[in-house]
């Protein structure tokens, strides 16, 4: 185990994140877990940004919103199909 120095503000923010994750996951979460979560989120964000690499930065958020709207519409369509077929 290694010790790292963080500001008091960063420590508090990490503790709050760990608490939120603990509630979400329903299990004890360490500060290491919280940091790993942030790093994974950052990696996922980098992957997502690579998909939008051909867009100017101001268009990325617009593309994300459009993609989410399309996903929501598809979910609704699939729910209707499931209701009709009884699945």
N, C-alpha and C. Protein backbone atom coordinates (compact mmCIF):
# COMPACT_ATOMS: atom_id res chain seq x y z
N UNK A 1 0.86 -1.17 0.00
CA UNK A 1 0.00 0.00 0.00
C UNK A 1 0.90 1.23 0.00
N UNK A 2 0.55 2.21 -0.79
CA UNK A 2 1.32 3.44 -0.93
C UNK A 2 0.50 4.60 -0.39
N UNK A 3 1.17 5.56 0.19
CA UNK A 3 0.50 6.76 0.67
C UNK A 3 0.63 7.86 -0.38
N UNK A 4 -0.47 8.54 -0.64
CA UNK A 4 -0.43 9.68 -1.55
C UNK A 4 -0.97 10.90 -0.81
N UNK A 5 -0.50 12.06 -1.21
CA UNK A 5 -0.96 13.29 -0.58
C UNK A 5 -1.99 13.97 -1.47
N UNK A 6 -3.10 14.33 -0.86
CA UNK A 6 -4.14 15.08 -1.57
C UNK A 6 -4.57 16.22 -0.67
N UNK A 7 -5.15 17.23 -1.29
CA UNK A 7 -5.64 18.35 -0.50
C UNK A 7 -6.86 17.91 0.31
N UNK A 8 -7.21 18.68 1.29
CA UNK A 8 -8.37 18.37 2.13
C UNK A 8 -9.64 18.34 1.28
N UNK A 9 -9.74 19.27 0.34
CA UNK A 9 -10.91 19.33 -0.54
C UNK A 9 -11.00 18.06 -1.37
N UNK A 10 -9.90 17.60 -1.93
CA UNK A 10 -9.89 16.38 -2.73
C UNK A 10 -10.27 15.18 -1.88
N UNK A 11 -9.77 15.13 -0.68
CA UNK A 11 -10.09 14.03 0.24
C UNK A 11 -11.59 13.98 0.51
N UNK A 12 -12.18 15.13 0.78
CA UNK A 12 -13.61 15.20 1.05
C UNK A 12 -14.42 14.75 -0.17
N UNK A 13 -13.99 15.22 -1.34
CA UNK A 13 -14.70 14.85 -2.56
C UNK A 13 -14.58 13.35 -2.84
N UNK A 14 -13.41 12.77 -2.57
CA UNK A 14 -13.24 11.33 -2.74
C UNK A 14 -14.11 10.55 -1.75
N UNK A 15 -14.19 11.04 -0.53
CA UNK A 15 -15.03 10.39 0.47
C UNK A 15 -16.50 10.44 0.06
N UNK A 16 -16.93 11.56 -0.48
CA UNK A 16 -18.32 11.69 -0.94
C UNK A 16 -18.59 10.73 -2.10
N UNK A 17 -17.64 10.65 -3.03
CA UNK A 17 -17.78 9.72 -4.15
C UNK A 17 -17.83 8.28 -3.64
N UNK A 18 -16.95 7.94 -2.73
CA UNK A 18 -16.95 6.59 -2.16
C UNK A 18 -18.28 6.28 -1.49
N UNK A 19 -18.86 7.25 -0.80
CA UNK A 19 -20.15 7.06 -0.15
C UNK A 19 -21.25 6.82 -1.19
N UNK A 20 -21.22 7.58 -2.27
CA UNK A 20 -22.21 7.40 -3.33
C UNK A 20 -22.08 6.03 -3.97
N UNK A 21 -20.84 5.61 -4.22
CA UNK A 21 -20.62 4.30 -4.81
C UNK A 21 -21.06 3.19 -3.85
N UNK A 22 -20.83 3.40 -2.58
CA UNK A 22 -21.22 2.42 -1.58
C UNK A 22 -22.73 2.24 -1.59
N UNK A 23 -23.46 3.32 -1.68
CA UNK A 23 -24.92 3.25 -1.75
C UNK A 23 -25.35 2.55 -3.04
N UNK A 24 -24.73 2.93 -4.14
CA UNK A 24 -25.08 2.37 -5.45
C UNK A 24 -24.78 0.88 -5.52
N UNK A 25 -23.63 0.47 -5.02
CA UNK A 25 -23.20 -0.92 -5.12
C UNK A 25 -23.67 -1.79 -3.96
N UNK A 26 -24.05 -1.15 -2.87
CA UNK A 26 -24.51 -1.90 -1.71
C UNK A 26 -23.42 -2.66 -0.98
N UNK A 27 -22.20 -2.16 -1.09
CA UNK A 27 -21.08 -2.79 -0.38
C UNK A 27 -20.06 -1.73 0.00
N UNK A 28 -19.17 -2.08 0.91
CA UNK A 28 -18.15 -1.16 1.37
C UNK A 28 -17.22 -0.78 0.21
N UNK A 29 -16.92 0.52 0.10
CA UNK A 29 -16.08 1.02 -0.97
C UNK A 29 -14.93 1.83 -0.36
N UNK A 30 -13.72 1.52 -0.76
CA UNK A 30 -12.54 2.24 -0.26
C UNK A 30 -12.24 3.45 -1.13
N UNK A 31 -11.33 4.29 -0.66
CA UNK A 31 -10.89 5.42 -1.48
C UNK A 31 -10.18 4.91 -2.73
N UNK A 32 -9.48 3.79 -2.61
CA UNK A 32 -8.83 3.18 -3.77
C UNK A 32 -9.89 2.80 -4.81
N UNK A 33 -10.99 2.23 -4.36
CA UNK A 33 -12.09 1.88 -5.27
C UNK A 33 -12.63 3.13 -5.96
N UNK A 34 -12.77 4.21 -5.20
CA UNK A 34 -13.29 5.47 -5.76
C UNK A 34 -12.34 6.01 -6.82
N UNK A 35 -11.05 5.95 -6.54
CA UNK A 35 -10.06 6.44 -7.52
C UNK A 35 -10.07 5.55 -8.76
N UNK A 36 -10.16 4.24 -8.57
CA UNK A 36 -10.23 3.32 -9.71
C UNK A 36 -11.47 3.61 -10.56
N UNK A 37 -12.58 3.90 -9.88
CA UNK A 37 -13.82 4.25 -10.59
C UNK A 37 -13.60 5.50 -11.45
N UNK A 38 -12.96 6.50 -10.89
CA UNK A 38 -12.68 7.73 -11.64
C UNK A 38 -11.78 7.46 -12.83
N UNK A 39 -10.76 6.65 -12.62
CA UNK A 39 -9.84 6.32 -13.72
C UNK A 39 -10.54 5.55 -14.82
N UNK A 40 -11.41 4.62 -14.43
CA UNK A 40 -12.17 3.86 -15.42
C UNK A 40 -13.11 4.79 -16.18
N UNK A 41 -13.75 5.69 -15.46
CA UNK A 41 -14.66 6.65 -16.11
C UNK A 41 -13.90 7.51 -17.11
N UNK A 42 -12.71 7.91 -16.72
CA UNK A 42 -11.88 8.73 -17.59
C UNK A 42 -11.48 7.94 -18.85
N UNK A 43 -11.14 6.67 -18.67
CA UNK A 43 -10.77 5.82 -19.79
C UNK A 43 -11.96 5.65 -20.72
N UNK A 44 -13.14 5.43 -20.14
CA UNK A 44 -14.35 5.30 -20.96
C UNK A 44 -14.65 6.59 -21.70
N UNK A 45 -14.42 7.71 -21.04
CA UNK A 45 -14.64 9.01 -21.68
C UNK A 45 -13.69 9.18 -22.86
N UNK A 46 -12.43 8.75 -22.68
CA UNK A 46 -11.45 8.83 -23.77
C UNK A 46 -11.89 7.96 -24.94
N UNK A 47 -12.40 6.75 -24.65
CA UNK A 47 -12.88 5.88 -25.72
C UNK A 47 -14.04 6.52 -26.44
N UNK A 48 -14.96 7.09 -25.66
CA UNK A 48 -16.12 7.73 -26.26
C UNK A 48 -15.69 8.91 -27.13
N UNK A 49 -14.76 9.68 -26.64
CA UNK A 49 -14.28 10.83 -27.42
C UNK A 49 -13.62 10.39 -28.71
N UNK A 50 -13.00 9.22 -28.72
CA UNK A 50 -12.36 8.76 -29.96
C UNK A 50 -13.41 8.48 -31.03
N UNK A 51 -14.64 8.07 -30.60
CA UNK A 51 -15.70 7.86 -31.57
C UNK A 51 -16.16 9.18 -32.18
N UNK A 52 -16.05 10.23 -31.41
CA UNK A 52 -16.47 11.55 -31.89
C UNK A 52 -15.29 12.37 -32.40
N UNK A 53 -14.18 11.73 -32.63
CA UNK A 53 -12.95 12.44 -33.00
C UNK A 53 -13.08 13.31 -34.23
N UNK A 54 -14.00 12.97 -35.12
CA UNK A 54 -14.14 13.76 -36.34
C UNK A 54 -15.00 15.00 -36.12
N UNK A 55 -15.60 15.12 -34.93
CA UNK A 55 -16.44 16.28 -34.64
C UNK A 55 -15.65 17.35 -33.91
N UNK A 56 -16.01 18.59 -34.14
CA UNK A 56 -15.42 19.66 -33.34
C UNK A 56 -15.92 19.51 -31.92
N UNK A 57 -15.15 19.98 -30.97
CA UNK A 57 -15.46 19.75 -29.56
C UNK A 57 -16.83 20.27 -29.17
N UNK A 58 -17.29 21.36 -29.76
CA UNK A 58 -18.60 21.90 -29.38
C UNK A 58 -19.74 21.03 -29.91
N UNK A 59 -19.48 20.16 -30.86
CA UNK A 59 -20.51 19.28 -31.41
C UNK A 59 -20.60 17.95 -30.69
N UNK A 60 -19.61 17.62 -29.87
CA UNK A 60 -19.59 16.33 -29.19
C UNK A 60 -20.80 16.18 -28.28
N UNK A 61 -21.10 17.18 -27.48
CA UNK A 61 -22.23 17.09 -26.56
C UNK A 61 -23.54 16.95 -27.32
N UNK A 62 -23.65 17.66 -28.42
CA UNK A 62 -24.85 17.55 -29.25
C UNK A 62 -24.99 16.12 -29.80
N UNK A 63 -23.88 15.54 -30.22
CA UNK A 63 -23.90 14.17 -30.73
C UNK A 63 -24.29 13.18 -29.64
N UNK A 64 -23.78 13.39 -28.44
CA UNK A 64 -24.13 12.51 -27.31
C UNK A 64 -25.62 12.57 -27.01
N UNK A 65 -26.18 13.77 -27.01
CA UNK A 65 -27.61 13.93 -26.74
C UNK A 65 -28.44 13.23 -27.81
N UNK A 66 -28.04 13.40 -29.06
CA UNK A 66 -28.76 12.76 -30.16
C UNK A 66 -28.68 11.24 -30.04
N UNK A 67 -27.51 10.72 -29.71
CA UNK A 67 -27.34 9.29 -29.54
C UNK A 67 -28.22 8.78 -28.40
N UNK A 68 -28.30 9.51 -27.30
CA UNK A 68 -29.14 9.11 -26.18
C UNK A 68 -30.61 9.11 -26.56
N UNK A 69 -31.03 10.12 -27.33
CA UNK A 69 -32.42 10.17 -27.79
C UNK A 69 -32.74 8.97 -28.66
N UNK A 70 -31.81 8.61 -29.55
CA UNK A 70 -32.02 7.45 -30.41
C UNK A 70 -32.10 6.16 -29.59
N UNK A 71 -31.27 6.06 -28.58
CA UNK A 71 -31.31 4.88 -27.71
C UNK A 71 -32.64 4.80 -26.98
N UNK A 72 -33.11 5.93 -26.47
CA UNK A 72 -34.39 5.97 -25.76
C UNK A 72 -35.54 5.55 -26.67
N UNK A 73 -35.53 6.05 -27.92
CA UNK A 73 -36.56 5.69 -28.87
C UNK A 73 -36.53 4.19 -29.16
N UNK A 74 -35.33 3.64 -29.30
CA UNK A 74 -35.19 2.21 -29.57
C UNK A 74 -35.70 1.38 -28.39
N UNK A 75 -35.41 1.83 -27.17
CA UNK A 75 -35.92 1.14 -25.97
C UNK A 75 -37.44 1.10 -25.98
N UNK A 76 -38.07 2.22 -26.29
CA UNK A 76 -39.53 2.28 -26.34
C UNK A 76 -40.07 1.36 -27.42
N UNK A 77 -39.42 1.34 -28.57
CA UNK A 77 -39.85 0.48 -29.67
C UNK A 77 -39.76 -1.00 -29.26
N UNK A 78 -38.67 -1.36 -28.60
CA UNK A 78 -38.49 -2.74 -28.17
C UNK A 78 -39.52 -3.13 -27.09
N UNK A 79 -39.85 -2.19 -26.21
CA UNK A 79 -40.87 -2.47 -25.18
C UNK A 79 -42.22 -2.73 -25.83
N UNK A 80 -42.57 -1.97 -26.86
CA UNK A 80 -43.85 -2.18 -27.57
C UNK A 80 -43.87 -3.55 -28.22
N UNK A 81 -42.75 -3.92 -28.82
CA UNK A 81 -42.66 -5.24 -29.46
C UNK A 81 -42.81 -6.34 -28.42
N UNK A 82 -42.17 -6.17 -27.27
CA UNK A 82 -42.27 -7.18 -26.21
C UNK A 82 -43.70 -7.32 -25.71
N UNK A 83 -44.41 -6.20 -25.58
CA UNK A 83 -45.80 -6.24 -25.12
C UNK A 83 -46.69 -6.94 -26.14
N UNK A 84 -46.46 -6.66 -27.43
CA UNK A 84 -47.28 -7.27 -28.48
C UNK A 84 -47.04 -8.76 -28.57
N UNK A 85 -45.79 -9.16 -28.41
CA UNK A 85 -45.47 -10.59 -28.57
C UNK A 85 -45.58 -11.37 -27.28
N UNK A 86 -45.72 -10.66 -26.15
CA UNK A 86 -45.86 -11.32 -24.87
C UNK A 86 -44.56 -11.86 -24.30
N UNK A 87 -43.48 -11.34 -24.76
CA UNK A 87 -42.16 -11.81 -24.28
C UNK A 87 -41.85 -11.18 -22.94
